[in-house]
Protein backbone atom coordinates (compact mmCIF):
# COMPACT_ATOMS: atom_id res chain seq x y z
CA MET A 1 -59.00 -7.46 -35.98
CA LYS A 2 -58.19 -8.75 -39.31
CA VAL A 3 -55.52 -6.96 -41.23
CA ARG A 4 -57.36 -5.19 -44.21
CA GLU A 5 -55.65 -5.94 -47.40
CA TYR A 6 -55.79 -4.25 -50.96
CA TYR A 7 -54.65 -6.82 -53.71
CA TYR A 8 -56.43 -4.61 -56.68
CA LEU A 9 -54.91 -1.35 -55.52
CA ILE A 10 -51.87 -1.36 -54.76
CA SER A 11 -50.86 -4.00 -57.69
CA SER A 12 -52.59 -1.43 -60.08
CA LEU A 13 -50.02 0.97 -58.55
CA TYR A 14 -46.91 -0.15 -60.44
CA ASP A 15 -46.64 -1.30 -64.41
CA PRO A 16 -42.61 -2.13 -65.33
CA GLU A 17 -43.35 -1.78 -68.67
CA LEU A 18 -44.53 1.71 -68.35
CA ASP A 19 -42.26 4.52 -68.45
CA SER A 20 -41.49 5.68 -65.15
CA GLN A 21 -41.43 9.71 -65.52
CA LYS A 22 -45.18 9.67 -67.42
CA LYS A 23 -47.25 6.64 -66.22
CA LEU A 24 -46.96 7.35 -62.08
CA TYR A 25 -50.20 8.23 -60.68
CA SER A 26 -50.56 11.77 -60.29
CA MET A 27 -51.26 12.65 -56.58
CA GLU A 28 -54.77 13.69 -57.66
CA GLU A 29 -55.53 10.40 -59.89
CA PHE A 30 -53.72 8.71 -56.75
CA ILE A 31 -56.26 10.02 -54.02
CA SER A 32 -59.14 9.51 -56.27
CA PHE A 33 -58.85 5.67 -56.40
CA CYS A 34 -57.99 4.70 -53.34
CA GLU A 35 -61.10 7.02 -52.47
CA GLU A 36 -62.87 4.12 -54.38
CA GLU A 37 -61.13 0.98 -53.18
CA LEU A 38 -59.96 1.65 -49.67
CA HIS A 39 -62.09 1.13 -46.25
CA PRO A 40 -63.44 3.99 -45.17
CA VAL A 41 -61.26 4.43 -41.89
CA ASP A 42 -58.51 3.91 -43.53
CA TYR A 43 -59.40 6.62 -46.52
CA GLU A 44 -59.99 9.20 -43.53
CA ASP A 45 -56.43 8.02 -41.98
CA LEU A 46 -54.54 8.23 -45.38
CA LYS A 47 -55.74 11.82 -45.92
CA LYS A 48 -53.74 12.31 -42.86
CA VAL A 49 -50.48 11.92 -44.39
CA PHE A 50 -51.10 15.41 -45.57
CA ILE A 51 -51.95 16.62 -42.11
CA PHE A 52 -48.73 19.21 -42.58
CA ASN A 53 -50.54 21.12 -45.40
CA ASP A 54 -53.16 21.68 -43.62
CA ILE A 55 -51.17 23.26 -41.12
CA MET A 56 -49.56 25.15 -43.27
CA ASN A 57 -52.98 26.59 -44.59
CA ILE A 58 -53.67 27.22 -40.75
CA ILE A 59 -50.40 29.10 -40.34
CA ASN A 60 -51.05 31.47 -44.03
CA VAL A 61 -55.05 31.51 -43.39
CA LYS A 62 -54.54 35.21 -43.36
CA ASN A 63 -52.12 35.97 -46.02
CA GLU A 64 -53.07 36.82 -49.10
CA ASP A 65 -50.65 36.27 -50.94
CA SER A 66 -50.18 32.58 -49.96
CA PHE A 67 -52.11 29.60 -51.73
CA TYR A 68 -54.25 26.83 -50.67
CA ARG A 69 -51.95 23.66 -50.34
CA THR A 70 -52.77 20.40 -51.54
CA PRO A 71 -53.35 17.40 -51.21
CA SER A 72 -54.68 18.33 -47.58
CA PHE A 73 -56.67 15.93 -45.05
CA TYR A 74 -59.88 19.17 -45.41
CA ASP A 75 -60.76 20.24 -48.22
CA LYS A 76 -60.57 23.91 -49.14
CA GLU A 77 -64.56 24.73 -48.40
CA THR A 78 -64.34 22.36 -45.50
CA PHE A 79 -61.29 24.44 -44.29
CA PHE A 80 -62.45 27.79 -44.61
CA GLY A 81 -66.16 26.42 -43.14
CA ASN A 82 -64.62 25.68 -40.23
CA LEU A 83 -62.77 28.52 -39.14
CA SER A 84 -66.16 29.97 -38.29
CA ASP A 85 -66.44 26.86 -36.01
CA TYR A 86 -62.78 25.64 -34.54
CA SER A 87 -64.45 22.33 -33.21
CA GLN A 88 -64.75 21.30 -36.11
CA PHE A 89 -61.23 21.08 -36.82
CA PHE A 90 -58.94 18.49 -35.08
CA PRO A 91 -58.18 19.22 -31.69
CA PHE A 92 -54.70 20.15 -32.65
CA ILE A 93 -55.98 23.09 -34.87
CA GLU A 94 -58.93 23.86 -32.58
CA ILE A 95 -56.58 24.37 -29.16
CA PHE A 96 -53.97 27.10 -31.59
CA LEU A 97 -56.71 28.92 -33.18
CA GLU A 98 -58.11 29.48 -29.93
CA ASN A 99 -55.03 30.38 -28.15
CA LYS A 100 -54.07 32.73 -30.95
CA LYS A 101 -57.48 34.26 -30.99
CA ASN A 102 -56.87 34.69 -26.86
CA ASP A 103 -53.71 35.95 -27.09
CA LYS A 104 -51.86 33.33 -25.49
CA LYS A 105 -48.95 30.61 -26.66
CA ILE A 106 -47.91 27.39 -25.30
CA ASN A 107 -44.49 28.25 -25.71
CA SER A 108 -43.32 32.33 -25.75
CA HIS A 109 -39.90 30.79 -27.74
CA LEU A 110 -41.63 28.87 -30.56
CA ILE A 111 -42.52 30.74 -33.51
CA ALA A 112 -46.23 30.05 -34.68
CA VAL A 113 -45.85 26.64 -37.06
CA ASP A 114 -43.75 25.31 -34.57
CA GLU A 115 -46.09 25.67 -31.92
CA LEU A 116 -48.94 24.10 -34.25
CA ILE A 117 -46.45 21.11 -35.11
CA THR A 118 -46.60 20.95 -31.07
CA LEU A 119 -49.65 20.77 -30.38
CA PHE A 120 -50.01 18.30 -33.57
CA TYR A 121 -47.78 15.99 -31.48
CA GLU A 122 -48.66 16.43 -28.21
CA ASN A 123 -52.85 15.34 -29.52
CA ILE A 124 -51.38 13.00 -32.14
CA ASP A 125 -53.52 9.90 -30.50
CA SER A 126 -57.14 12.15 -30.94
CA LEU A 127 -55.86 12.52 -34.54
CA THR A 128 -55.56 8.82 -35.49
CA LYS A 129 -55.89 5.10 -33.80
CA ASN A 130 -53.13 3.83 -36.81
CA LYS A 131 -50.45 3.29 -35.16
CA PHE A 132 -48.44 3.04 -38.40
CA LEU A 133 -49.38 6.35 -39.00
CA LYS A 134 -48.43 7.49 -35.80
CA LYS A 135 -45.43 5.66 -35.63
CA TYR A 136 -44.10 7.48 -39.08
CA PHE A 137 -44.67 11.10 -37.76
CA GLU A 138 -42.90 10.35 -34.72
CA PHE A 139 -40.00 8.98 -36.55
CA GLU A 140 -39.94 12.07 -39.23
CA LEU A 141 -39.88 14.20 -35.86
CA ASP A 142 -36.94 12.12 -34.78
CA LEU A 143 -35.38 12.97 -38.02
CA LYS A 144 -36.02 16.72 -38.06
CA ASN A 145 -35.08 17.09 -34.89
CA ILE A 146 -31.64 15.36 -35.17
CA SER A 147 -31.07 17.08 -38.64
CA ASN A 148 -31.80 20.53 -37.56
CA SER A 149 -29.16 19.67 -34.25
CA ILE A 150 -25.80 18.73 -36.62
CA SER A 151 -26.73 21.25 -38.95
CA LEU A 152 -27.17 24.20 -36.37
CA LYS A 153 -24.38 22.54 -34.71
CA LYS A 154 -21.75 22.76 -37.80
CA LEU A 155 -22.59 26.92 -38.32
CA GLY A 156 -21.99 27.29 -34.62
CA ILE A 157 -25.78 28.21 -34.05
CA SER A 158 -27.19 27.48 -30.90
CA THR A 159 -29.50 24.83 -30.96
CA GLU A 160 -31.46 26.01 -27.69
CA ASN A 161 -35.26 26.53 -28.63
CA ALA A 162 -34.51 25.22 -31.59
CA PHE A 163 -36.61 21.76 -31.92
CA ILE A 164 -39.64 20.60 -31.71
CA PRO A 165 -39.94 20.11 -28.32
CA SER A 166 -41.29 16.00 -28.57
CA GLY A 167 -40.14 12.97 -29.55
CA GLU A 168 -37.27 10.44 -28.20
CA ALA A 169 -34.82 12.52 -30.12
CA TYR A 170 -35.57 16.03 -28.72
CA GLU A 171 -35.33 14.41 -24.82
CA ARG A 172 -31.94 13.03 -25.95
CA LEU A 173 -30.82 16.09 -27.47
CA VAL A 174 -31.85 18.55 -24.53
CA LYS A 175 -30.18 16.44 -22.02
CA SER A 176 -27.25 15.71 -24.15
CA ILE A 177 -27.60 11.56 -24.69
CA PRO A 178 -26.09 10.15 -26.86
CA LEU A 179 -28.10 9.15 -30.17
CA ASP A 180 -27.48 5.69 -31.97
CA HIS A 181 -28.95 4.11 -34.67
CA GLY A 182 -32.28 2.96 -33.24
CA LEU A 183 -33.87 6.22 -33.51
CA VAL A 184 -33.24 6.86 -37.20
CA PRO A 185 -30.95 5.21 -39.92
CA MET A 186 -27.58 5.73 -41.62
CA LEU A 187 -27.26 8.01 -38.41
CA GLU A 188 -23.18 8.65 -39.30
CA LYS A 189 -23.62 9.35 -42.85
CA LEU A 190 -26.59 11.51 -42.05
CA THR A 191 -24.42 13.72 -39.83
CA GLU A 192 -21.34 13.53 -42.60
CA SER A 193 -23.64 14.81 -45.17
CA LEU A 194 -25.20 17.91 -43.29
CA ASN A 195 -21.42 18.80 -42.20
CA SER A 196 -20.70 19.32 -45.43
CA ASP A 197 -21.97 21.72 -48.00
CA ASP A 198 -23.58 20.36 -50.58
CA LEU A 199 -27.59 20.81 -49.48
CA THR A 200 -28.96 19.05 -52.35
CA ALA A 201 -27.28 15.73 -51.18
CA SER A 202 -28.03 16.05 -47.93
CA GLU A 203 -31.69 16.49 -48.72
CA ILE A 204 -31.61 13.49 -51.38
CA LEU A 205 -29.89 11.45 -48.17
CA ILE A 206 -32.89 12.69 -45.82
CA GLU A 207 -35.62 11.17 -48.73
CA ASN A 208 -33.46 8.23 -48.55
CA ILE A 209 -33.90 7.76 -44.98
CA LYS A 210 -37.20 8.09 -44.83
CA TRP A 211 -37.91 5.98 -47.66
CA LEU A 212 -35.58 2.87 -45.56
CA TRP A 213 -38.05 3.26 -42.95
CA LEU A 214 -40.73 2.90 -44.65
CA ASP A 215 -39.48 -0.48 -46.11
CA GLU A 216 -38.33 -1.71 -43.17
CA GLU A 217 -41.26 -1.12 -41.60
CA ILE A 218 -43.45 -2.30 -43.98
CA ALA A 219 -41.74 -5.17 -44.61
CA GLN A 220 -43.87 -8.43 -45.86
CA ASP A 221 -47.22 -6.08 -45.47
CA TYR A 222 -47.14 -5.46 -49.57
CA PHE A 223 -50.61 -5.41 -49.47
CA SER A 224 -52.16 -4.29 -46.30
CA PHE A 225 -52.88 -0.33 -45.52
CA LYS A 226 -49.34 0.44 -44.53
CA TYR A 227 -48.42 -0.32 -47.82
CA VAL A 228 -50.57 2.67 -49.49
CA ILE A 229 -49.46 5.18 -46.40
CA GLY A 230 -46.10 4.57 -47.28
CA TYR A 231 -46.42 4.90 -51.37
CA ALA A 232 -48.59 8.30 -50.65
CA ILE A 233 -45.39 9.09 -48.69
CA LYS A 234 -42.99 8.59 -51.49
CA LEU A 235 -45.46 9.71 -54.10
CA THR A 236 -45.37 12.97 -52.18
CA ALA A 237 -41.51 12.94 -52.26
CA VAL A 238 -41.85 12.62 -55.94
CA GLU A 239 -43.69 15.50 -56.89
CA ARG A 240 -42.11 17.50 -54.65
CA TRP A 241 -39.09 16.74 -56.34
CA SER A 242 -40.41 16.87 -59.79
CA LYS A 243 -40.74 20.96 -59.07
CA LEU A 244 -36.86 21.32 -58.56
CA THR A 245 -34.70 22.78 -61.03
CA GLU A 246 -34.95 20.40 -64.26
CA GLU A 247 -31.64 19.13 -64.01
CA THR A 248 -31.54 18.15 -59.71
CA GLY A 249 -35.57 17.27 -59.97
CA LYS A 250 -34.76 15.00 -62.78
CA MET A 251 -31.84 13.38 -61.55
CA VAL A 252 -34.00 12.73 -58.08
CA LEU A 253 -37.40 12.15 -59.61
CA ASP A 254 -35.81 9.14 -61.66
CA GLY A 255 -34.48 7.54 -58.35
CA LEU A 256 -37.62 8.01 -56.22
CA ILE A 257 -39.56 6.41 -59.14
CA ASN A 258 -37.27 3.52 -59.35
CA LYS A 259 -37.29 3.11 -55.64
CA ILE A 260 -41.27 3.13 -55.87
CA LYS A 261 -41.31 0.68 -58.80
CA SER A 262 -38.67 -1.59 -57.06
CA GLY A 263 -40.38 -1.68 -53.50
CA ILE A 264 -43.53 -3.60 -54.54
CA LYS A 265 -43.09 -7.61 -54.65
CA PHE A 266 -45.54 -9.84 -55.86
CA SER A 267 -46.18 -13.06 -54.10
CA ASP A 268 -45.59 -16.07 -56.29
CA GLU A 269 -49.88 -17.28 -56.23
CA PHE A 270 -50.75 -13.51 -56.56
CA LEU A 271 -48.92 -13.76 -59.95
CA LYS A 272 -50.59 -16.58 -60.99
CA THR A 273 -53.72 -15.61 -60.05
CA GLY A 274 -54.76 -11.98 -59.96
CA GLY A 275 -57.79 -10.76 -58.57
CA LYS A 276 -59.18 -8.07 -55.90
CA LYS A 277 -59.65 -9.28 -52.41
């Protein structure tokens, strides 16, 4: 099947002459633009990038003090409407809610959010057919499990029941099989950083590892839907860091924005002709 390309959409995400902090699309603007430009199948998959906000909305559904997290796959009206018919949710959410209603758990050692995330990974094939999106979710889980392992060992805390029980890293960790750079890039640097006391530096490094993985996976597919997925993930990070303290947030935000800008490379042919495909 021919890969769909989005020259107009992706070229519109970048303007090197504009102020980096003020001229990036907001997430709301970005999603709206994507809804106009993407094939419907790709747009549905784009919304799945934000599925972990849906997961937290499920976990907090009865918490009156919580807010509805966005962006999310389900808009607020659809989300609350689906609570009267669980089958309208993705299968992993339906299973979780039915289990909760019947006072059942898939793993007695897991807290609710980890149980739901575990169900997400167990049912990921029913969520999307997009291989790149699934691969990213699996990479992100490996990175999280590895990071948790390093951090807990530093603190002298048992890692038993400390992982989301899924993925290659999990299998290696529970069997004490050595990790390698094939799972996550910059493994030695990650270990060194997490063993330090600089939590901000560790968070920045973890973000950089995600971006490095995305850049390597996207490679020459600059105008493909893979790039749009990667951009959405990066923009999510930019918005998250922008909510930190002014000094730390601005430092990280500037770095992330510059990476977004430097990430787009245009072919000579496109620079000469422009246009939407």
